[in-house]
Amino acid sequence: MASDFTEASSDELLATNEVSGERVFVYRVRVPRLWYVAPFIGVAAVGKNMNTRNAGAELVSVDRGHGIRRAGLCTSEEGVHLVERTGASERTHLYLSVGYAIESPTCR
């Protein structure tokens, strides 16, 4: 439910849009108790007139004009990247610093 989401303070974490430099909206949400067993970072797609589905490791959204957007997560040495593409173009590249070294980065 929307009431479960609260906006995270920009003082608490470093999150940037590497493509446009625009403000990034980051929210916290209550998660089921057992999810605390392992770290978890999730992605949600919000918008009117969009059809969104999981496609392997990506989130794929098709808008009313049949435009296709693909988004995926990967980790670098010290952060998490959310990259959204329209065709071959990088539309959004959000970066969230986790503040520690990541043992097995997944970004290529």
N, C-alpha and C. Protein backbone atom coordinates (compact mmCIF):
# COMPACT_ATOMS: atom_id res chain seq x y z
N MET A 1 0.82 -1.17 0.00
CA MET A 1 0.00 0.00 0.00
C MET A 1 0.88 1.25 0.00
N ALA A 2 0.38 2.30 -0.59
CA ALA A 2 1.12 3.55 -0.67
C ALA A 2 1.49 4.08 0.71
N SER A 3 0.66 3.83 1.70
CA SER A 3 0.95 4.33 3.04
C SER A 3 2.17 3.65 3.66
N ASP A 4 2.61 2.53 3.11
CA ASP A 4 3.81 1.85 3.61
C ASP A 4 5.10 2.52 3.15
N PHE A 5 5.02 3.40 2.16
CA PHE A 5 6.21 4.06 1.63
C PHE A 5 6.46 5.38 2.33
N THR A 6 7.72 5.63 2.72
CA THR A 6 8.12 6.93 3.25
C THR A 6 9.36 7.38 2.51
N GLU A 7 9.43 8.66 2.22
CA GLU A 7 10.59 9.16 1.47
C GLU A 7 11.82 9.12 2.36
N ALA A 8 12.92 8.63 1.83
CA ALA A 8 14.19 8.57 2.56
C ALA A 8 14.86 9.93 2.47
N SER A 9 15.47 10.35 3.54
CA SER A 9 16.17 11.63 3.59
C SER A 9 17.43 11.57 2.75
N SER A 10 17.71 12.66 2.03
CA SER A 10 18.94 12.71 1.22
C SER A 10 20.17 12.77 2.12
N ASP A 11 19.99 13.08 3.41
CA ASP A 11 21.11 13.08 4.35
C ASP A 11 21.52 11.66 4.73
N GLU A 12 20.60 10.72 4.57
CA GLU A 12 20.85 9.33 4.98
C GLU A 12 21.65 8.53 3.96
N LEU A 13 21.52 8.86 2.67
CA LEU A 13 22.15 8.05 1.65
C LEU A 13 22.51 8.88 0.43
N LEU A 14 23.38 8.34 -0.36
CA LEU A 14 23.80 9.00 -1.59
C LEU A 14 23.15 8.29 -2.76
N ALA A 15 22.26 8.99 -3.46
CA ALA A 15 21.61 8.46 -4.64
C ALA A 15 21.63 9.55 -5.70
N THR A 16 22.14 9.23 -6.89
CA THR A 16 22.26 10.23 -7.95
C THR A 16 21.75 9.67 -9.27
N ASN A 17 21.33 10.58 -10.17
CA ASN A 17 20.98 10.21 -11.53
C ASN A 17 22.20 10.55 -12.38
N GLU A 18 22.92 9.55 -12.82
CA GLU A 18 24.17 9.74 -13.54
C GLU A 18 23.98 10.26 -14.96
N VAL A 19 22.76 10.22 -15.50
CA VAL A 19 22.49 10.69 -16.86
C VAL A 19 22.09 12.16 -16.85
N SER A 20 21.07 12.51 -16.06
CA SER A 20 20.53 13.87 -16.12
C SER A 20 20.92 14.76 -14.96
N GLY A 21 21.36 14.17 -13.85
CA GLY A 21 21.66 14.96 -12.67
C GLY A 21 20.42 15.40 -11.91
N GLU A 22 19.22 15.00 -12.38
CA GLU A 22 17.98 15.37 -11.71
C GLU A 22 17.87 14.70 -10.35
N ARG A 23 17.02 15.26 -9.51
CA ARG A 23 16.77 14.71 -8.18
C ARG A 23 16.26 13.28 -8.29
N VAL A 24 16.71 12.43 -7.40
CA VAL A 24 16.29 11.04 -7.35
C VAL A 24 15.34 10.88 -6.16
N PHE A 25 14.21 10.24 -6.39
CA PHE A 25 13.26 9.98 -5.31
C PHE A 25 13.52 8.58 -4.78
N VAL A 26 13.86 8.48 -3.51
CA VAL A 26 14.16 7.21 -2.87
C VAL A 26 13.20 7.04 -1.69
N TYR A 27 12.61 5.86 -1.60
CA TYR A 27 11.63 5.59 -0.56
C TYR A 27 12.02 4.36 0.24
N ARG A 28 11.60 4.34 1.47
CA ARG A 28 11.73 3.16 2.31
C ARG A 28 10.35 2.51 2.41
N VAL A 29 10.34 1.21 2.54
CA VAL A 29 9.07 0.50 2.67
C VAL A 29 9.25 -0.62 3.68
N ARG A 30 8.22 -0.89 4.42
CA ARG A 30 8.25 -2.03 5.33
C ARG A 30 8.22 -3.29 4.48
N VAL A 31 9.06 -4.22 4.84
CA VAL A 31 9.12 -5.48 4.10
C VAL A 31 8.80 -6.63 5.05
N PRO A 32 8.40 -7.77 4.52
CA PRO A 32 8.13 -8.91 5.40
C PRO A 32 9.33 -9.26 6.26
N ARG A 33 9.07 -9.71 7.46
CA ARG A 33 10.10 -9.97 8.46
C ARG A 33 11.23 -10.86 7.94
N LEU A 34 10.94 -11.90 7.21
CA LEU A 34 11.97 -12.83 6.77
C LEU A 34 12.90 -12.24 5.72
N TRP A 35 12.52 -11.12 5.11
CA TRP A 35 13.39 -10.49 4.12
C TRP A 35 14.63 -9.89 4.76
N TYR A 36 14.65 -9.72 6.06
CA TYR A 36 15.81 -9.15 6.74
C TYR A 36 16.96 -10.14 6.84
N VAL A 37 16.77 -11.36 6.42
CA VAL A 37 17.82 -12.37 6.47
C VAL A 37 18.97 -12.01 5.54
N ALA A 38 18.68 -11.40 4.40
CA ALA A 38 19.70 -11.04 3.43
C ALA A 38 19.43 -9.62 2.92
N PRO A 39 20.47 -8.90 2.48
CA PRO A 39 20.25 -7.57 1.92
C PRO A 39 19.32 -7.62 0.72
N PHE A 40 18.53 -6.57 0.55
CA PHE A 40 17.57 -6.54 -0.54
C PHE A 40 17.41 -5.11 -1.04
N ILE A 41 17.51 -4.91 -2.33
CA ILE A 41 17.20 -3.64 -2.97
C ILE A 41 16.22 -3.96 -4.08
N GLY A 42 15.09 -3.27 -4.10
CA GLY A 42 14.06 -3.57 -5.08
C GLY A 42 13.77 -2.39 -5.97
N VAL A 43 13.03 -2.65 -7.01
CA VAL A 43 12.64 -1.64 -7.98
C VAL A 43 11.13 -1.72 -8.16
N ALA A 44 10.49 -0.58 -8.25
CA ALA A 44 9.06 -0.54 -8.53
C ALA A 44 8.82 0.38 -9.71
N ALA A 45 7.89 0.03 -10.57
CA ALA A 45 7.51 0.90 -11.70
C ALA A 45 6.16 1.52 -11.36
N VAL A 46 6.10 2.84 -11.43
CA VAL A 46 4.88 3.56 -11.10
C VAL A 46 4.52 4.45 -12.27
N GLY A 47 3.30 4.37 -12.74
CA GLY A 47 2.88 5.24 -13.84
C GLY A 47 1.54 4.81 -14.40
N LYS A 48 0.87 5.77 -14.97
CA LYS A 48 -0.42 5.49 -15.59
C LYS A 48 -0.21 4.90 -16.97
N ASN A 49 -1.14 4.07 -17.38
CA ASN A 49 -1.16 3.53 -18.74
C ASN A 49 0.12 2.81 -19.12
N MET A 50 0.69 2.05 -18.17
CA MET A 50 1.88 1.25 -18.45
C MET A 50 1.58 -0.21 -18.14
N ASN A 51 2.13 -1.08 -18.95
CA ASN A 51 2.04 -2.51 -18.73
C ASN A 51 3.45 -2.96 -18.36
N THR A 52 3.65 -3.39 -17.12
CA THR A 52 4.99 -3.74 -16.64
C THR A 52 5.02 -5.20 -16.23
N ARG A 53 6.14 -5.88 -16.57
CA ARG A 53 6.29 -7.29 -16.21
C ARG A 53 7.77 -7.59 -15.97
N ASN A 54 8.02 -8.67 -15.26
CA ASN A 54 9.39 -9.17 -15.09
C ASN A 54 9.77 -9.95 -16.33
N ALA A 55 10.98 -9.75 -16.78
CA ALA A 55 11.51 -10.49 -17.92
C ALA A 55 12.93 -10.91 -17.56
N GLY A 56 13.06 -12.04 -16.93
CA GLY A 56 14.37 -12.48 -16.47
C GLY A 56 14.86 -11.55 -15.37
N ALA A 57 16.02 -10.96 -15.56
CA ALA A 57 16.59 -10.05 -14.57
C ALA A 57 16.17 -8.60 -14.80
N GLU A 58 15.27 -8.35 -15.75
CA GLU A 58 14.85 -7.00 -16.07
C GLU A 58 13.38 -6.77 -15.76
N LEU A 59 13.05 -5.50 -15.60
CA LEU A 59 11.67 -5.06 -15.50
C LEU A 59 11.37 -4.39 -16.84
N VAL A 60 10.35 -4.84 -17.56
CA VAL A 60 10.03 -4.31 -18.88
C VAL A 60 8.68 -3.61 -18.81
N SER A 61 8.65 -2.36 -19.27
CA SER A 61 7.41 -1.59 -19.28
C SER A 61 7.09 -1.16 -20.71
N VAL A 62 5.82 -1.28 -21.07
CA VAL A 62 5.34 -0.84 -22.38
C VAL A 62 4.31 0.26 -22.11
N ASP A 63 4.55 1.45 -22.67
CA ASP A 63 3.62 2.55 -22.44
C ASP A 63 2.50 2.55 -23.46
N ARG A 64 1.60 3.50 -23.32
CA ARG A 64 0.42 3.58 -24.18
C ARG A 64 0.79 3.73 -25.65
N GLY A 65 1.91 4.38 -25.94
CA GLY A 65 2.35 4.55 -27.33
C GLY A 65 3.21 3.40 -27.82
N HIS A 66 3.23 2.30 -27.06
CA HIS A 66 3.99 1.08 -27.38
C HIS A 66 5.50 1.26 -27.26
N GLY A 67 5.93 2.31 -26.55
CA GLY A 67 7.36 2.47 -26.26
C GLY A 67 7.78 1.46 -25.20
N ILE A 68 8.92 0.83 -25.41
CA ILE A 68 9.40 -0.21 -24.50
C ILE A 68 10.59 0.32 -23.72
N ARG A 69 10.52 0.16 -22.40
CA ARG A 69 11.62 0.54 -21.51
C ARG A 69 12.03 -0.69 -20.72
N ARG A 70 13.33 -0.87 -20.58
CA ARG A 70 13.87 -2.00 -19.82
C ARG A 70 14.73 -1.46 -18.70
N ALA A 71 14.55 -2.00 -17.50
CA ALA A 71 15.34 -1.57 -16.35
C ALA A 71 15.93 -2.78 -15.64
N GLY A 72 17.13 -2.61 -15.15
CA GLY A 72 17.80 -3.69 -14.43
C GLY A 72 18.74 -3.15 -13.38
N LEU A 73 19.05 -3.97 -12.40
CA LEU A 73 19.97 -3.63 -11.31
C LEU A 73 21.27 -4.38 -11.47
N CYS A 74 22.36 -3.75 -11.06
CA CYS A 74 23.63 -4.45 -10.93
C CYS A 74 24.43 -3.75 -9.83
N THR A 75 25.45 -4.42 -9.32
CA THR A 75 26.28 -3.85 -8.27
C THR A 75 27.69 -3.60 -8.80
N SER A 76 28.28 -2.49 -8.33
CA SER A 76 29.68 -2.19 -8.64
C SER A 76 30.48 -2.42 -7.35
N GLU A 77 31.68 -1.89 -7.27
CA GLU A 77 32.51 -2.15 -6.10
C GLU A 77 31.97 -1.53 -4.82
N GLU A 78 31.21 -0.41 -4.92
CA GLU A 78 30.71 0.24 -3.71
C GLU A 78 29.28 0.72 -3.82
N GLY A 79 28.53 0.25 -4.82
CA GLY A 79 27.18 0.74 -4.94
C GLY A 79 26.31 -0.10 -5.85
N VAL A 80 25.05 0.34 -5.95
CA VAL A 80 24.04 -0.33 -6.77
C VAL A 80 23.64 0.60 -7.90
N HIS A 81 23.53 0.06 -9.09
CA HIS A 81 23.14 0.83 -10.27
C HIS A 81 21.80 0.33 -10.78
N LEU A 82 20.90 1.26 -11.05
CA LEU A 82 19.64 0.96 -11.74
C LEU A 82 19.74 1.65 -13.09
N VAL A 83 19.73 0.87 -14.16
CA VAL A 83 19.86 1.42 -15.50
C VAL A 83 18.59 1.13 -16.27
N GLU A 84 18.01 2.21 -16.84
CA GLU A 84 16.82 2.08 -17.68
C GLU A 84 17.21 2.41 -19.10
N ARG A 85 16.81 1.58 -20.04
CA ARG A 85 17.13 1.77 -21.45
C ARG A 85 15.85 1.81 -22.28
N THR A 86 15.89 2.65 -23.29
CA THR A 86 14.87 2.67 -24.33
C THR A 86 15.62 2.31 -25.60
N GLY A 87 15.40 1.12 -26.12
CA GLY A 87 16.20 0.64 -27.23
C GLY A 87 17.64 0.49 -26.74
N ALA A 88 18.60 1.05 -27.48
CA ALA A 88 20.00 0.98 -27.07
C ALA A 88 20.42 2.18 -26.24
N SER A 89 19.53 3.17 -26.08
CA SER A 89 19.86 4.40 -25.37
C SER A 89 19.65 4.25 -23.87
N GLU A 90 20.64 4.71 -23.11
CA GLU A 90 20.51 4.75 -21.66
C GLU A 90 19.67 5.96 -21.30
N ARG A 91 18.51 5.73 -20.75
CA ARG A 91 17.57 6.81 -20.42
C ARG A 91 17.80 7.32 -19.01
N THR A 92 18.02 6.41 -18.08
CA THR A 92 18.25 6.75 -16.67
C THR A 92 19.33 5.84 -16.14
N HIS A 93 20.19 6.40 -15.30
CA HIS A 93 21.22 5.61 -14.62
C HIS A 93 21.30 6.13 -13.20
N LEU A 94 20.63 5.43 -12.28
CA LEU A 94 20.63 5.83 -10.88
C LEU A 94 21.71 5.06 -10.15
N TYR A 95 22.38 5.75 -9.24
CA TYR A 95 23.46 5.13 -8.46
C TYR A 95 23.15 5.32 -6.99
N LEU A 96 23.26 4.26 -6.20
CA LEU A 96 23.07 4.30 -4.76
C LEU A 96 24.32 3.75 -4.10
N SER A 97 25.02 4.61 -3.37
CA SER A 97 26.21 4.17 -2.64
C SER A 97 25.78 3.38 -1.42
N VAL A 98 26.42 2.24 -1.19
CA VAL A 98 26.10 1.45 -0.01
C VAL A 98 27.10 1.68 1.11
N GLY A 99 28.18 2.38 0.83
CA GLY A 99 29.13 2.76 1.87
C GLY A 99 30.10 1.68 2.31
N TYR A 100 30.19 0.59 1.56
CA TYR A 100 31.14 -0.46 1.87
C TYR A 100 31.49 -1.20 0.59
N ALA A 101 32.56 -1.99 0.63
CA ALA A 101 33.00 -2.74 -0.56
C ALA A 101 32.06 -3.93 -0.80
N ILE A 102 31.68 -4.12 -2.06
CA ILE A 102 30.83 -5.24 -2.45
C ILE A 102 31.74 -6.37 -2.91
N GLU A 103 31.54 -7.53 -2.35
CA GLU A 103 32.43 -8.66 -2.59
C GLU A 103 32.43 -9.16 -4.03
N SER A 104 31.28 -9.27 -4.65
CA SER A 104 31.18 -9.82 -6.01
C SER A 104 30.34 -8.90 -6.90
N PRO A 105 30.93 -7.80 -7.44
CA PRO A 105 30.16 -6.89 -8.30
C PRO A 105 29.59 -7.63 -9.51
N THR A 106 28.41 -7.17 -9.98
CA THR A 106 27.75 -7.81 -11.10
C THR A 106 27.67 -6.94 -12.35
N CYS A 107 28.01 -5.64 -12.24
CA CYS A 107 27.95 -4.76 -13.42
C CYS A 107 29.04 -5.14 -14.41
N ARG A 108 28.72 -5.02 -15.70
CA ARG A 108 29.71 -5.30 -16.75
C ARG A 108 30.22 -4.01 -17.33
